[in-house]
Amino acid sequence: MIIIEPQEGENLEKMLRRYKRKFDRLGIAREVRNRMYFIPKSVQRREQIKRAAYRQRMQQLQQG
């Protein structure tokens, strides 16, 4: 659970912004999305290889 302590003179909007930033940094939403259903290790590895190849292609296109 994420706990945000109110700082002196801090309004609700600023606290909400800090909460959202902390939530994003911790990657909670991403984790929940990934755990919604089971993905076998072999499929995870295949996806990881695909993403790496895509990133590498994009990097090569930018360089030359």
PDB file of N, CA and C in Angstrom:
ATOM      1  N   MET A   1       0.835  -1.175   0.000  1.00  0.00           N
ATOM      2  CA  MET A   1       0.000   0.000   0.000  1.00  0.00           C
ATOM      3  C   MET A   1       0.882   1.242   0.000  1.00  0.00           C
ATOM      4  N   ILE A   2       0.536   2.185  -0.819  1.00  0.00           N
ATOM      5  CA  ILE A   2       1.301   3.418  -0.919  1.00  0.00           C
ATOM      6  C   ILE A   2       0.752   4.423   0.084  1.00  0.00           C
ATOM      7  N   ILE A   3       1.644   4.971   0.878  1.00  0.00           N
ATOM      8  CA  ILE A   3       1.236   5.961   1.873  1.00  0.00           C
ATOM      9  C   ILE A   3       1.897   7.285   1.538  1.00  0.00           C
ATOM     10  N   ILE A   4       1.093   8.320   1.442  1.00  0.00           N
ATOM     11  CA  ILE A   4       1.587   9.668   1.181  1.00  0.00           C
ATOM     12  C   ILE A   4       1.253  10.528   2.393  1.00  0.00           C
ATOM     13  N   GLU A   5       2.276  11.022   3.044  1.00  0.00           N
ATOM     14  CA  GLU A   5       2.078  11.894   4.200  1.00  0.00           C
ATOM     15  C   GLU A   5       1.895  13.325   3.707  1.00  0.00           C
ATOM     16  N   PRO A   6       0.874  14.022   4.187  1.00  0.00           N
ATOM     17  CA  PRO A   6       0.683  15.417   3.758  1.00  0.00           C
ATOM     18  C   PRO A   6       1.788  16.307   4.328  1.00  0.00           C
ATOM     19  N   GLN A   7       2.361  17.117   3.460  1.00  0.00           N
ATOM     20  CA  GLN A   7       3.381  18.057   3.898  1.00  0.00           C
ATOM     21  C   GLN A   7       2.695  19.351   4.310  1.00  0.00           C
ATOM     22  N   GLU A   8       3.377  20.126   5.106  1.00  0.00           N
ATOM     23  CA  GLU A   8       2.776  21.353   5.623  1.00  0.00           C
ATOM     24  C   GLU A   8       2.448  22.307   4.474  1.00  0.00           C
ATOM     25  N   GLY A   9       1.218  22.782   4.446  1.00  0.00           N
ATOM     26  CA  GLY A   9       0.782  23.729   3.434  1.00  0.00           C
ATOM     27  C   GLY A   9       0.540  23.117   2.064  1.00  0.00           C
ATOM     28  N   GLU A  10       0.485  21.790   1.977  1.00  0.00           N
ATOM     29  CA  GLU A  10       0.299  21.115   0.691  1.00  0.00           C
ATOM     30  C   GLU A  10      -1.192  20.882   0.442  1.00  0.00           C
ATOM     31  N   ASN A  11      -1.645  21.259  -0.743  1.00  0.00           N
ATOM     32  CA  ASN A  11      -3.057  21.056  -1.046  1.00  0.00           C
ATOM     33  C   ASN A  11      -3.301  19.651  -1.595  1.00  0.00           C
ATOM     34  N   LEU A  12      -4.556  19.313  -1.755  1.00  0.00           N
ATOM     35  CA  LEU A  12      -4.956  17.970  -2.192  1.00  0.00           C
ATOM     36  C   LEU A  12      -4.446  17.647  -3.595  1.00  0.00           C
ATOM     37  N   GLU A  13      -4.473  18.640  -4.490  1.00  0.00           N
ATOM     38  CA  GLU A  13      -4.022  18.417  -5.869  1.00  0.00           C
ATOM     39  C   GLU A  13      -2.558  17.972  -5.910  1.00  0.00           C
ATOM     40  N   LYS A  14      -1.732  18.644  -5.122  1.00  0.00           N
ATOM     41  CA  LYS A  14      -0.307  18.326  -5.107  1.00  0.00           C
ATOM     42  C   LYS A  14      -0.067  16.942  -4.511  1.00  0.00           C
ATOM     43  N   MET A  15      -0.834  16.597  -3.470  1.00  0.00           N
ATOM     44  CA  MET A  15      -0.712  15.265  -2.868  1.00  0.00           C
ATOM     45  C   MET A  15      -1.097  14.189  -3.880  1.00  0.00           C
ATOM     46  N   LEU A  16      -2.167  14.435  -4.613  1.00  0.00           N
ATOM     47  CA  LEU A  16      -2.608  13.473  -5.633  1.00  0.00           C
ATOM     48  C   LEU A  16      -1.533  13.283  -6.694  1.00  0.00           C
ATOM     49  N   ARG A  17      -0.898  14.376  -7.112  1.00  0.00           N
ATOM     50  CA  ARG A  17       0.162  14.306  -8.102  1.00  0.00           C
ATOM     51  C   ARG A  17       1.330  13.462  -7.585  1.00  0.00           C
ATOM     52  N   ARG A  18       1.697  13.670  -6.307  1.00  0.00           N
ATOM     53  CA  ARG A  18       2.785  12.884  -5.716  1.00  0.00           C
ATOM     54  C   ARG A  18       2.413  11.413  -5.653  1.00  0.00           C
ATOM     55  N   TYR A  19       1.147  11.130  -5.304  1.00  0.00           N
ATOM     56  CA  TYR A  19       0.675   9.743  -5.218  1.00  0.00           C
ATOM     57  C   TYR A  19       0.773   9.067  -6.589  1.00  0.00           C
ATOM     58  N   LYS A  20       0.293   9.756  -7.618  1.00  0.00           N
ATOM     59  CA  LYS A  20       0.311   9.188  -8.969  1.00  0.00           C
ATOM     60  C   LYS A  20       1.729   8.919  -9.441  1.00  0.00           C
ATOM     61  N   ARG A  21       2.641   9.856  -9.153  1.00  0.00           N
ATOM     62  CA  ARG A  21       4.037   9.685  -9.541  1.00  0.00           C
ATOM     63  C   ARG A  21       4.646   8.464  -8.860  1.00  0.00           C
ATOM     64  N   LYS A  22       4.369   8.320  -7.564  1.00  0.00           N
ATOM     65  CA  LYS A  22       4.904   7.193  -6.802  1.00  0.00           C
ATOM     66  C   LYS A  22       4.320   5.877  -7.320  1.00  0.00           C
ATOM     67  N   PHE A  23       3.026   5.888  -7.627  1.00  0.00           N
ATOM     68  CA  PHE A  23       2.324   4.727  -8.155  1.00  0.00           C
ATOM     69  C   PHE A  23       2.958   4.284  -9.471  1.00  0.00           C
ATOM     70  N   ASP A  24       3.235   5.241 -10.355  1.00  0.00           N
ATOM     71  CA  ASP A  24       3.847   4.921 -11.647  1.00  0.00           C
ATOM     72  C   ASP A  24       5.256   4.380 -11.475  1.00  0.00           C
ATOM     73  N   ARG A  25       6.035   4.989 -10.582  1.00  0.00           N
ATOM     74  CA  ARG A  25       7.417   4.557 -10.375  1.00  0.00           C
ATOM     75  C   ARG A  25       7.492   3.135  -9.845  1.00  0.00           C
ATOM     76  N   LEU A  26       6.559   2.769  -8.983  1.00  0.00           N
ATOM     77  CA  LEU A  26       6.575   1.431  -8.407  1.00  0.00           C
ATOM     78  C   LEU A  26       6.121   0.362  -9.401  1.00  0.00           C
ATOM     79  N   GLY A  27       5.428   0.764 -10.464  1.00  0.00           N
ATOM     80  CA  GLY A  27       5.008  -0.173 -11.501  1.00  0.00           C
ATOM     81  C   GLY A  27       3.885  -1.103 -11.061  1.00  0.00           C
ATOM     82  N   ILE A  28       3.020  -0.625 -10.176  1.00  0.00           N
ATOM     83  CA  ILE A  28       1.943  -1.461  -9.639  1.00  0.00           C
ATOM     84  C   ILE A  28       0.934  -1.821 -10.723  1.00  0.00           C
ATOM     85  N   ALA A  29       0.540  -0.845 -11.528  1.00  0.00           N
ATOM     86  CA  ALA A  29      -0.463  -1.104 -12.572  1.00  0.00           C
ATOM     87  C   ALA A  29       0.059  -2.132 -13.574  1.00  0.00           C
ATOM     88  N   ARG A  30       1.327  -1.997 -13.936  1.00  0.00           N
ATOM     89  CA  ARG A  30       1.930  -2.931 -14.889  1.00  0.00           C
ATOM     90  C   ARG A  30       1.937  -4.341 -14.317  1.00  0.00           C
ATOM     91  N   GLU A  31       2.287  -4.443 -13.048  1.00  0.00           N
ATOM     92  CA  GLU A  31       2.331  -5.744 -12.372  1.00  0.00           C
ATOM     93  C   GLU A  31       0.945  -6.397 -12.340  1.00  0.00           C
ATOM     94  N   VAL A  32      -0.071  -5.610 -12.032  1.00  0.00           N
ATOM     95  CA  VAL A  32      -1.442  -6.143 -11.980  1.00  0.00           C
ATOM     96  C   VAL A  32      -1.862  -6.634 -13.354  1.00  0.00           C
ATOM     97  N   ARG A  33      -1.559  -5.844 -14.388  1.00  0.00           N
ATOM     98  CA  ARG A  33      -1.906  -6.246 -15.752  1.00  0.00           C
ATOM     99  C   ARG A  33      -1.212  -7.549 -16.137  1.00  0.00           C
ATOM    100  N   ASN A  34       0.051  -7.682 -15.741  1.00  0.00           N
ATOM    101  CA  ASN A  34       0.796  -8.899 -16.086  1.00  0.00           C
ATOM    102  C   ASN A  34       0.281 -10.124 -15.343  1.00  0.00           C
ATOM    103  N   ARG A  35      -0.261  -9.943 -14.174  1.00  0.00           N
ATOM    104  CA  ARG A  35      -0.722 -11.081 -13.380  1.00  0.00           C
ATOM    105  C   ARG A  35      -2.184 -11.457 -13.629  1.00  0.00           C
ATOM    106  N   MET A  36      -2.848 -10.774 -14.535  1.00  0.00           N
ATOM    107  CA  MET A  36      -4.262 -11.061 -14.792  1.00  0.00           C
ATOM    108  C   MET A  36      -4.454 -12.482 -15.329  1.00  0.00           C
ATOM    109  N   TYR A  37      -3.485 -12.967 -16.098  1.00  0.00           N
ATOM    110  CA  TYR A  37      -3.568 -14.329 -16.611  1.00  0.00           C
ATOM    111  C   TYR A  37      -2.160 -14.907 -16.698  1.00  0.00           C
ATOM    112  N   PHE A  38      -2.075 -16.216 -16.712  1.00  0.00           N
ATOM    113  CA  PHE A  38      -0.791 -16.909 -16.701  1.00  0.00           C
ATOM    114  C   PHE A  38      -0.183 -16.930 -18.097  1.00  0.00           C
ATOM    115  N   ILE A  39       1.097 -16.582 -18.181  1.00  0.00           N
ATOM    116  CA  ILE A  39       1.838 -16.651 -19.435  1.00  0.00           C
ATOM    117  C   ILE A  39       3.031 -17.574 -19.199  1.00  0.00           C
ATOM    118  N   PRO A  40       3.120 -18.671 -19.964  1.00  0.00           N
ATOM    119  CA  PRO A  40       4.231 -19.602 -19.782  1.00  0.00           C
ATOM    120  C   PRO A  40       5.582 -18.930 -20.017  1.00  0.00           C
ATOM    121  N   LYS A  41       6.613 -19.458 -19.375  1.00  0.00           N
ATOM    122  CA  LYS A  41       7.961 -18.894 -19.487  1.00  0.00           C
ATOM    123  C   LYS A  41       8.440 -18.876 -20.932  1.00  0.00           C
ATOM    124  N   SER A  42       8.104 -19.908 -21.689  1.00  0.00           N
ATOM    125  CA  SER A  42       8.563 -19.968 -23.080  1.00  0.00           C
ATOM    126  C   SER A  42       7.969 -18.818 -23.900  1.00  0.00           C
ATOM    127  N   VAL A  43       6.716 -18.490 -23.642  1.00  0.00           N
ATOM    128  CA  VAL A  43       6.064 -17.395 -24.366  1.00  0.00           C
ATOM    129  C   VAL A  43       6.654 -16.057 -23.911  1.00  0.00           C
ATOM    130  N   GLN A  44       6.905 -15.921 -22.621  1.00  0.00           N
ATOM    131  CA  GLN A  44       7.513 -14.692 -22.105  1.00  0.00           C
ATOM    132  C   GLN A  44       8.866 -14.465 -22.758  1.00  0.00           C
ATOM    133  N   ARG A  45       9.652 -15.525 -22.854  1.00  0.00           N
ATOM    134  CA  ARG A  45      10.990 -15.435 -23.451  1.00  0.00           C
ATOM    135  C   ARG A  45      10.892 -15.055 -24.926  1.00  0.00           C
ATOM    136  N   ARG A  46       9.947 -15.651 -25.636  1.00  0.00           N
ATOM    137  CA  ARG A  46       9.759 -15.355 -27.062  1.00  0.00           C
ATOM    138  C   ARG A  46       9.414 -13.879 -27.261  1.00  0.00           C
ATOM    139  N   GLU A  47       8.511 -13.368 -26.417  1.00  0.00           N
ATOM    140  CA  GLU A  47       8.117 -11.953 -26.490  1.00  0.00           C
ATOM    141  C   GLU A  47       9.305 -11.042 -26.191  1.00  0.00           C
ATOM    142  N   GLN A  48      10.116 -11.443 -25.219  1.00  0.00           N
ATOM    143  CA  GLN A  48      11.287 -10.659 -24.844  1.00  0.00           C
ATOM    144  C   GLN A  48      12.270 -10.583 -26.019  1.00  0.00           C
ATOM    145  N   ILE A  49      12.464 -11.693 -26.714  1.00  0.00           N
ATOM    146  CA  ILE A  49      13.366 -11.734 -27.864  1.00  0.00           C
ATOM    147  C   ILE A  49      12.819 -10.861 -28.993  1.00  0.00           C
ATOM    148  N   LYS A  50      11.506 -10.917 -29.215  1.00  0.00           N
ATOM    149  CA  LYS A  50      10.877 -10.092 -30.247  1.00  0.00           C
ATOM    150  C   LYS A  50      11.078  -8.610 -29.961  1.00  0.00           C
ATOM    151  N   ARG A  51      10.849  -8.224 -28.706  1.00  0.00           N
ATOM    152  CA  ARG A  51      11.006  -6.811 -28.324  1.00  0.00           C
ATOM    153  C   ARG A  51      12.454  -6.359 -28.488  1.00  0.00           C
ATOM    154  N   ALA A  52      13.400  -7.217 -28.125  1.00  0.00           N
ATOM    155  CA  ALA A  52      14.818  -6.880 -28.254  1.00  0.00           C
ATOM    156  C   ALA A  52      15.189  -6.701 -29.727  1.00  0.00           C
ATOM    157  N   ALA A  53      14.696  -7.583 -30.587  1.00  0.00           N
ATOM    158  CA  ALA A  53      14.989  -7.486 -32.015  1.00  0.00           C
ATOM    159  C   ALA A  53      14.400  -6.205 -32.595  1.00  0.00           C
ATOM    160  N   TYR A  54      13.198  -5.866 -32.193  1.00  0.00           N
ATOM    161  CA  TYR A  54      12.545  -4.641 -32.660  1.00  0.00           C
ATOM    162  C   TYR A  54      13.352  -3.418 -32.242  1.00  0.00           C
ATOM    163  N   ARG A  55      13.746  -3.394 -30.969  1.00  0.00           N
ATOM    164  CA  ARG A  55      14.534  -2.267 -30.456  1.00  0.00           C
ATOM    165  C   ARG A  55      15.852  -2.131 -31.217  1.00  0.00           C
ATOM    166  N   GLN A  56      16.476  -3.260 -31.489  1.00  0.00           N
ATOM    167  CA  GLN A  56      17.748  -3.255 -32.205  1.00  0.00           C
ATOM    168  C   GLN A  56      17.566  -2.738 -33.629  1.00  0.00           C
ATOM    169  N   ARG A  57      16.487  -3.164 -34.303  1.00  0.00           N
ATOM    170  CA  ARG A  57      16.205  -2.672 -35.661  1.00  0.00           C
ATOM    171  C   ARG A  57      15.985  -1.171 -35.670  1.00  0.00           C
ATOM    172  N   MET A  58      15.213  -0.688 -34.719  1.00  0.00           N
ATOM    173  CA  MET A  58      14.938   0.756 -34.630  1.00  0.00           C
ATOM    174  C   MET A  58      16.209   1.549 -34.381  1.00  0.00           C
ATOM    175  N   GLN A  59      17.064   1.015 -33.538  1.00  0.00           N
ATOM    176  CA  GLN A  59      18.326   1.680 -33.230  1.00  0.00           C
ATOM    177  C   GLN A  59      19.223   1.727 -34.463  1.00  0.00           C
ATOM    178  N   GLN A  60      19.249   0.651 -35.251  1.00  0.00           N
ATOM    179  CA  GLN A  60      20.059   0.617 -36.472  1.00  0.00           C
ATOM    180  C   GLN A  60      19.520   1.597 -37.505  1.00  0.00           C
ATOM    181  N   LEU A  61      18.188   1.719 -37.605  1.00  0.00           N
ATOM    182  CA  LEU A  61      17.596   2.657 -38.555  1.00  0.00           C
ATOM    183  C   LEU A  61      17.933   4.093 -38.176  1.00  0.00           C
ATOM    184  N   GLN A  62      17.982   4.404 -36.910  1.00  0.00           N
ATOM    185  CA  GLN A  62      18.285   5.761 -36.464  1.00  0.00           C
ATOM    186  C   GLN A  62      19.753   6.106 -36.712  1.00  0.00           C
ATOM    187  N   GLN A  63      20.622   5.128 -36.622  1.00  0.00           N
ATOM    188  CA  GLN A  63      22.057   5.375 -36.768  1.00  0.00           C
ATOM    189  C   GLN A  63      22.473   5.515 -38.243  1.00  0.00           C
ATOM    190  N   GLY A  64      21.799   4.835 -39.098  1.00  0.00           N
ATOM    191  CA  GLY A  64      22.294   4.882 -40.487  1.00  0.00           C
ATOM    192  C   GLY A  64      21.290   4.687 -41.478  1.00  0.00           C
TER     193      GLY A  64
END
